């Protein structure tokens, strides 16, 4: 059996949990500018599946790629790394 590639995993902050079993996660990363060699912050928002509705706004979560679960959801929440205060 052929081994498949590893799924991407990223850590981000929950910014919305209004939908049922769905959270919006903001992922920030640093990218070096090609010309100026200065680090620039890039942001991306991902809709992730939260099967237990356990995530709250401000939680730091680990998400992983998955098959398409809906029109916009292609990620799943693996674990809550840090709860919001």
C-alpha atoms as a PDB file:
ATOM      1  CA  UNK A   1       0.000   0.000   0.000  1.00  0.00           C
ATOM      2  CA  UNK A   2       1.289   3.418  -0.958  1.00  0.00           C
ATOM      3  CA  UNK A   3       2.018   5.922   1.866  1.00  0.00           C
ATOM      4  CA  UNK A   4       0.215   9.246   1.479  1.00  0.00           C
ATOM      5  CA  UNK A   5       1.754  12.634   2.216  1.00  0.00           C
ATOM      6  CA  UNK A   6       1.582  14.150   5.657  1.00  0.00           C
ATOM      7  CA  UNK A   7      -1.301  16.511   6.321  1.00  0.00           C
ATOM      8  CA  UNK A   8      -0.454  20.085   7.168  1.00  0.00           C
ATOM      9  CA  UNK A   9      -0.942  21.097  10.808  1.00  0.00           C
ATOM     10  CA  UNK A  10      -1.012  24.702  12.012  1.00  0.00           C
ATOM     11  CA  UNK A  11      -1.676  26.501  15.297  1.00  0.00           C
ATOM     12  CA  UNK A  12      -4.037  29.456  15.356  1.00  0.00           C
ATOM     13  CA  UNK A  13      -6.470  31.465  17.478  1.00  0.00           C
ATOM     14  CA  UNK A  14     -10.249  30.990  17.436  1.00  0.00           C
ATOM     15  CA  UNK A  15     -11.894  34.256  16.376  1.00  0.00           C
ATOM     16  CA  UNK A  16     -15.470  33.023  15.900  1.00  0.00           C
ATOM     17  CA  UNK A  17     -17.555  30.093  17.154  1.00  0.00           C
ATOM     18  CA  UNK A  18     -21.021  31.244  16.104  1.00  0.00           C
ATOM     19  CA  UNK A  19     -21.708  28.350  13.722  1.00  0.00           C
ATOM     20  CA  UNK A  20     -22.687  24.901  14.973  1.00  0.00           C
ATOM     21  CA  UNK A  21     -19.658  22.557  15.090  1.00  0.00           C
ATOM     22  CA  UNK A  22     -17.545  25.127  13.231  1.00  0.00           C
ATOM     23  CA  UNK A  23     -14.911  27.610  14.365  1.00  0.00           C
ATOM     24  CA  UNK A  24     -13.000  30.241  12.408  1.00  0.00           C
ATOM     25  CA  UNK A  25      -9.274  30.091  13.174  1.00  0.00           C
ATOM     26  CA  UNK A  26      -6.844  32.947  12.473  1.00  0.00           C
ATOM     27  CA  UNK A  27      -3.350  31.694  11.609  1.00  0.00           C
ATOM     28  CA  UNK A  28      -0.438  34.127  11.604  1.00  0.00           C
ATOM     29  CA  UNK A  29       2.966  33.406  10.093  1.00  0.00           C
ATOM     30  CA  UNK A  30       6.151  35.361   9.422  1.00  0.00           C
ATOM     31  CA  UNK A  31       7.457  35.557   5.864  1.00  0.00           C
ATOM     32  CA  UNK A  32      10.739  37.141   4.831  1.00  0.00           C
ATOM     33  CA  UNK A  33      10.287  39.896   2.222  1.00  0.00           C
ATOM     34  CA  UNK A  34      12.267  39.047  -0.914  1.00  0.00           C
ATOM     35  CA  UNK A  35      13.630  42.520  -1.609  1.00  0.00           C
ATOM     36  CA  UNK A  36      13.824  44.147   1.809  1.00  0.00           C
ATOM     37  CA  UNK A  37      14.773  41.010   3.831  1.00  0.00           C
ATOM     38  CA  UNK A  38      12.392  42.118   6.541  1.00  0.00           C
ATOM     39  CA  UNK A  39       9.900  39.780   8.197  1.00  0.00           C
ATOM     40  CA  UNK A  40       6.279  40.529   7.298  1.00  0.00           C
ATOM     41  CA  UNK A  41       3.272  39.074   9.102  1.00  0.00           C
ATOM     42  CA  UNK A  42       0.801  37.131   6.946  1.00  0.00           C
ATOM     43  CA  UNK A  43      -2.652  36.106   8.165  1.00  0.00           C
ATOM     44  CA  UNK A  44      -5.121  33.495   6.968  1.00  0.00           C
ATOM     45  CA  UNK A  45      -8.558  32.493   8.246  1.00  0.00           C
ATOM     46  CA  UNK A  46      -9.677  28.874   8.119  1.00  0.00           C
ATOM     47  CA  UNK A  47     -13.072  27.355   8.904  1.00  0.00           C
ATOM     48  CA  UNK A  48     -12.432  24.246  10.993  1.00  0.00           C
ATOM     49  CA  UNK A  49     -14.698  21.423  12.187  1.00  0.00           C
ATOM     50  CA  UNK A  50     -15.171  21.331  15.977  1.00  0.00           C
ATOM     51  CA  UNK A  51     -17.264  18.196  16.575  1.00  0.00           C
ATOM     52  CA  UNK A  52     -17.869  18.790  20.309  1.00  0.00           C
ATOM     53  CA  UNK A  53     -18.391  22.574  20.169  1.00  0.00           C
ATOM     54  CA  UNK A  54     -15.587  22.766  22.755  1.00  0.00           C
ATOM     55  CA  UNK A  55     -13.688  25.805  21.409  1.00  0.00           C
ATOM     56  CA  UNK A  56     -14.254  29.307  22.729  1.00  0.00           C
ATOM     57  CA  UNK A  57     -13.133  32.644  21.289  1.00  0.00           C
ATOM     58  CA  UNK A  58      -9.484  33.275  22.135  1.00  0.00           C
ATOM     59  CA  UNK A  59      -8.492  29.603  22.444  1.00  0.00           C
ATOM     60  CA  UNK A  60      -5.260  28.533  20.780  1.00  0.00           C
ATOM     61  CA  UNK A  61      -5.970  25.402  18.720  1.00  0.00           C
ATOM     62  CA  UNK A  62      -4.092  22.905  16.559  1.00  0.00           C
ATOM     63  CA  UNK A  63      -5.877  22.253  13.256  1.00  0.00           C
ATOM     64  CA  UNK A  64      -5.119  19.741  10.517  1.00  0.00           C
ATOM     65  CA  UNK A  65      -6.089  19.438   6.869  1.00  0.00           C
ATOM     66  CA  UNK A  66      -8.892  17.031   6.007  1.00  0.00           C
ATOM     67  CA  UNK A  67     -11.216  16.140   3.174  1.00  0.00           C
ATOM     68  CA  UNK A  68     -13.822  18.787   2.285  1.00  0.00           C
ATOM     69  CA  UNK A  69     -16.508  18.756   4.986  1.00  0.00           C
ATOM     70  CA  UNK A  70     -18.633  21.567   3.506  1.00  0.00           C
ATOM     71  CA  UNK A  71     -18.290  24.413   1.009  1.00  0.00           C
ATOM     72  CA  UNK A  72     -15.674  26.209   3.131  1.00  0.00           C
ATOM     73  CA  UNK A  73     -14.506  23.642   5.719  1.00  0.00           C
ATOM     74  CA  UNK A  74     -11.304  21.761   4.867  1.00  0.00           C
ATOM     75  CA  UNK A  75      -9.763  21.645   8.356  1.00  0.00           C
ATOM     76  CA  UNK A  76     -10.463  19.828  11.647  1.00  0.00           C
ATOM     77  CA  UNK A  77      -9.624  20.852  15.213  1.00  0.00           C
ATOM     78  CA  UNK A  78      -7.196  18.268  16.602  1.00  0.00           C
ATOM     79  CA  UNK A  79      -6.719  19.708  20.082  1.00  0.00           C
ATOM     80  CA  UNK A  80      -7.041  22.834  22.164  1.00  0.00           C
ATOM     81  CA  UNK A  81      -3.476  23.869  22.936  1.00  0.00           C
ATOM     82  CA  UNK A  82      -4.345  26.707  25.328  1.00  0.00           C
ATOM     83  CA  UNK A  83      -7.695  27.861  26.716  1.00  0.00           C
ATOM     84  CA  UNK A  84      -8.642  31.549  26.690  1.00  0.00           C
ATOM     85  CA  UNK A  85      -8.484  33.351  30.024  1.00  0.00           C
END
